[in-house]
Amino acid sequence: MHSFRLLRPTYTSAHGFSLLELMVTLAIAAILMSLAAPALQDVIIKGRMSSIGNQFTGNVLRARNESVSRNTCTVMCLSTNTGDAITTDAATPPNVTAGPQCANSGSDWQVGWIVFLKEDCIKGTQIINSRPPRPEDYLVIRPSIGSDYNLQAQTNGFNKIFFDSSGRPGLQGANEFDMSYMTTNSAVTQKYGFNICLDSVGRTRTISWSSTC
């Protein structure tokens, strides 16, 4: 005769976080996030400034190269209405009647800029060089970079760069564009700001914020 023993199931108690442990964990996480936030913001601002500077120098290079490759004149200029739609007339081929155009004054390029082909461009002529005659002659339309970032020409009223068919801008000397964040005296500008030099043959180079061209 066999005897049977009833086996009782074993239970394992599960342990979770107590309220105190959860509060301590959240407090530590909050402290770590508060310490990392300024550094992360600096990284974002530095990257944004570098991107804007690269776009600007890249557009200068494109304007210069297009003038040579097409054997014509190009214009890169400060523009305050880059968001305007391009409209044309009924001519064949159509002519531009409205759209982004060069500003006649100002040195703050953060408001935006345009690059376009201009066969009859004449240096110093404001009206003739305001915008291209045909919509396809627009090469670059760069909208405003926002009010937090400043790209300022250090030559007062320097709002246009003209390239002839040889790729020369006809500048008397080096021009400087300063890239800053918020203000020139901000701590971020002092750490990450830089200046862009444009020489008399249309070449650009980037130098430290404390240097001059």
Protein backbone atom coordinates (compact mmCIF):
# COMPACT_ATOMS: atom_id res chain seq x y z
CA MET A 1 0.00 0.00 0.00
CA HIS A 2 1.41 3.38 -1.12
CA SER A 3 1.18 6.53 0.90
CA PHE A 4 0.96 9.93 -0.76
CA ARG A 5 2.16 13.21 0.65
CA LEU A 6 0.45 16.36 -0.45
CA LEU A 7 3.00 18.83 -1.77
CA ARG A 8 2.28 22.44 -0.99
CA PRO A 9 3.23 25.04 -3.64
CA THR A 10 6.06 27.37 -2.75
CA TYR A 11 5.53 31.07 -3.15
CA THR A 12 8.27 33.57 -3.93
CA SER A 13 7.60 37.04 -2.73
CA ALA A 14 8.28 39.78 -5.31
CA HIS A 15 10.02 42.92 -4.14
CA GLY A 16 9.40 46.26 -5.96
CA PHE A 17 10.59 49.80 -5.36
CA SER A 18 9.40 51.39 -2.21
CA LEU A 19 8.05 54.91 -2.39
CA LEU A 20 11.21 56.22 -0.72
CA GLU A 21 13.48 54.45 -3.23
CA LEU A 22 11.46 55.80 -6.14
CA MET A 23 11.66 59.35 -4.81
CA VAL A 24 15.43 59.10 -4.35
CA THR A 25 15.85 57.76 -7.90
CA LEU A 26 13.79 60.58 -9.37
CA ALA A 27 15.71 63.16 -7.36
CA ILE A 28 19.06 61.83 -8.63
CA ALA A 29 17.76 61.82 -12.23
CA ALA A 30 16.58 65.42 -11.88
CA ILE A 31 19.99 66.49 -10.57
CA LEU A 32 21.81 64.76 -13.43
CA MET A 33 19.49 66.33 -16.00
CA SER A 34 19.99 69.80 -14.55
CA LEU A 35 23.76 69.35 -14.77
CA ALA A 36 23.65 68.05 -18.35
CA ALA A 37 21.17 70.61 -19.75
CA PRO A 38 23.60 73.57 -20.07
CA ALA A 39 26.23 71.41 -21.76
CA LEU A 40 23.64 70.01 -24.17
CA GLN A 41 22.40 73.49 -25.02
CA ASP A 42 25.97 74.60 -25.73
CA VAL A 43 26.43 71.68 -28.11
CA ILE A 44 23.22 72.58 -29.97
CA ILE A 45 24.18 76.26 -30.26
CA LYS A 46 27.72 75.47 -31.38
CA GLY A 47 26.42 73.08 -34.03
CA ARG A 48 23.88 75.62 -35.26
CA MET A 49 26.50 78.36 -35.52
CA SER A 50 28.85 76.07 -37.45
CA SER A 51 26.03 75.09 -39.80
CA ILE A 52 25.16 78.73 -40.55
CA GLY A 53 28.81 79.59 -41.14
CA ASN A 54 29.25 76.63 -43.48
CA GLN A 55 26.14 77.59 -45.45
CA PHE A 56 27.36 81.15 -45.84
CA THR A 57 30.86 80.21 -47.00
CA GLY A 58 29.41 77.47 -49.20
CA ASN A 59 27.12 79.98 -50.88
CA VAL A 60 30.00 82.39 -51.45
CA LEU A 61 31.93 79.55 -53.09
CA ARG A 62 28.95 78.60 -55.23
CA ALA A 63 28.46 82.19 -56.42
CA ARG A 64 32.14 82.36 -57.32
CA ASN A 65 32.18 79.00 -59.12
CA GLU A 66 28.96 79.68 -61.03
CA SER A 67 30.32 82.96 -62.38
CA VAL A 68 33.36 81.17 -63.77
CA SER A 69 31.62 78.05 -65.10
CA ARG A 70 28.84 80.05 -66.80
CA ASN A 71 31.11 82.92 -67.87
CA THR A 72 28.72 85.48 -66.41
CA CYS A 73 28.23 87.61 -63.32
CA THR A 74 26.71 86.43 -60.05
CA VAL A 75 25.43 88.37 -57.08
CA MET A 76 25.18 87.32 -53.47
CA CYS A 77 23.32 89.84 -51.37
CA LEU A 78 21.53 90.41 -48.10
CA SER A 79 17.77 90.04 -48.51
CA THR A 80 14.94 90.84 -46.12
CA ASN A 81 12.11 89.30 -48.17
CA THR A 82 13.31 85.75 -48.87
CA GLY A 83 9.84 84.43 -48.04
CA ASP A 84 8.16 86.28 -50.92
CA ALA A 85 6.78 84.20 -53.77
CA ILE A 86 8.42 84.52 -57.18
CA THR A 87 5.98 85.86 -59.76
CA THR A 88 6.48 86.43 -63.48
CA ASP A 89 4.85 88.23 -66.37
CA ALA A 90 3.30 86.72 -69.51
CA ALA A 91 6.38 87.22 -71.69
CA THR A 92 8.18 84.34 -73.41
CA PRO A 93 10.40 83.52 -71.64
CA PRO A 94 8.78 84.99 -68.52
CA ASN A 95 10.44 87.79 -66.55
CA VAL A 96 10.48 88.04 -62.77
CA THR A 97 8.14 90.77 -61.55
CA ALA A 98 8.27 90.06 -57.81
CA GLY A 99 10.18 87.87 -55.40
CA PRO A 100 13.21 87.88 -53.11
CA GLN A 101 15.53 90.78 -53.89
CA CYS A 102 18.60 92.54 -52.55
CA ALA A 103 18.25 94.95 -49.68
CA ASN A 104 19.62 98.42 -50.41
CA SER A 105 21.07 98.85 -46.93
CA GLY A 106 22.12 96.93 -43.85
CA SER A 107 25.03 94.77 -42.72
CA ASP A 108 23.21 92.08 -40.71
CA TRP A 109 23.13 89.03 -42.96
CA GLN A 110 21.17 86.91 -40.47
CA VAL A 111 17.99 88.35 -42.00
CA GLY A 112 18.64 86.14 -45.05
CA TRP A 113 20.40 86.27 -48.39
CA ILE A 114 20.06 85.27 -52.04
CA VAL A 115 22.46 84.23 -54.80
CA PHE A 116 21.56 84.70 -58.45
CA LEU A 117 22.89 84.96 -61.99
CA LYS A 118 23.02 88.44 -63.46
CA GLU A 119 24.44 88.89 -66.95
CA ASP A 120 24.26 92.69 -66.87
CA CYS A 121 25.26 93.28 -63.25
CA ILE A 122 27.04 96.56 -62.64
CA LYS A 123 28.85 97.02 -59.37
CA GLY A 124 27.30 99.70 -57.18
CA THR A 125 24.03 99.92 -59.12
CA GLN A 126 21.28 99.24 -56.62
CA ILE A 127 18.22 98.87 -58.86
CA ILE A 128 19.74 96.85 -61.70
CA ASN A 129 21.18 94.30 -59.29
CA SER A 130 18.10 93.90 -57.10
CA ARG A 131 17.07 90.44 -58.39
CA PRO A 132 17.51 88.16 -61.41
CA PRO A 133 15.52 88.67 -64.63
CA ARG A 134 14.38 85.03 -64.89
CA PRO A 135 13.08 82.70 -62.14
CA GLU A 136 15.62 80.00 -63.04
CA ASP A 137 18.46 82.45 -62.36
CA TYR A 138 17.88 82.19 -58.61
CA LEU A 139 20.64 79.92 -57.28
CA VAL A 140 20.10 80.24 -53.52
CA ILE A 141 17.30 81.69 -51.39
CA ARG A 142 18.38 81.49 -47.75
CA PRO A 143 15.69 82.57 -45.24
CA SER A 144 16.36 84.32 -41.96
CA ILE A 145 18.45 82.40 -39.45
CA GLY A 146 16.45 83.82 -36.54
CA SER A 147 17.04 86.51 -33.96
CA ASP A 148 19.27 84.41 -31.69
CA TYR A 149 22.11 84.20 -34.21
CA ASN A 150 23.94 87.14 -35.74
CA LEU A 151 26.06 87.19 -38.90
CA GLN A 152 27.26 90.74 -39.23
CA ALA A 153 29.49 92.30 -41.89
CA GLN A 154 32.08 94.50 -40.22
CA THR A 155 32.20 96.87 -43.19
CA ASN A 156 29.26 99.19 -42.66
CA GLY A 157 26.61 98.78 -45.35
CA PHE A 158 28.30 95.78 -46.94
CA ASN A 159 25.24 93.98 -48.29
CA LYS A 160 26.28 92.77 -51.76
CA ILE A 161 29.06 90.65 -53.22
CA PHE A 162 29.56 90.84 -57.00
CA PHE A 163 31.51 88.18 -58.89
CA ASP A 164 32.59 88.81 -62.48
CA SER A 165 33.12 86.09 -65.08
CA SER A 166 36.61 85.42 -63.72
CA GLY A 167 35.24 84.77 -60.22
CA ARG A 168 36.67 87.94 -58.70
CA PRO A 169 34.50 90.01 -56.38
CA GLY A 170 36.46 93.21 -57.00
CA LEU A 171 36.92 93.95 -53.30
CA GLN A 172 39.56 96.42 -52.22
CA GLY A 173 40.59 94.26 -49.28
CA ALA A 174 39.42 91.58 -46.87
CA ASN A 175 35.90 91.81 -45.52
CA GLU A 176 34.91 90.26 -42.20
CA PHE A 177 31.65 88.64 -41.13
CA ASP A 178 31.27 87.92 -37.41
CA MET A 179 29.19 84.93 -36.24
CA SER A 180 27.81 85.41 -32.73
CA TYR A 181 25.04 84.12 -30.50
CA MET A 182 22.54 86.63 -29.06
CA THR A 183 25.15 89.32 -28.32
CA THR A 184 28.84 89.71 -29.02
CA ASN A 185 29.52 89.66 -25.27
CA SER A 186 27.57 86.50 -24.45
CA ALA A 187 29.51 83.66 -22.84
CA VAL A 188 28.53 81.30 -25.66
CA THR A 189 29.85 83.73 -28.28
CA GLN A 190 33.14 84.05 -26.46
CA LYS A 191 33.46 80.24 -26.46
CA TYR A 192 32.10 79.31 -29.89
CA GLY A 193 31.90 82.48 -31.95
CA PHE A 194 34.04 82.87 -35.05
CA ASN A 195 34.74 85.26 -37.90
CA ILE A 196 34.64 84.63 -41.64
CA CYS A 197 37.16 86.44 -43.86
CA LEU A 198 36.44 87.13 -47.51
CA ASP A 199 39.52 88.25 -49.43
CA SER A 200 39.85 90.34 -52.58
CA VAL A 201 39.80 87.28 -54.87
CA GLY A 202 36.67 85.74 -53.33
CA ARG A 203 38.21 83.13 -51.04
CA THR A 204 36.90 82.58 -47.52
CA ARG A 205 38.55 81.36 -44.34
CA THR A 206 37.31 81.02 -40.77
CA ILE A 207 39.24 82.47 -37.85
CA SER A 208 38.70 82.62 -34.10
CA TRP A 209 36.34 85.15 -32.54
CA SER A 210 39.19 87.12 -30.99
CA SER A 211 41.02 87.54 -34.32
CA THR A 212 40.47 89.99 -37.16
CA CYS A 213 40.89 89.53 -40.91
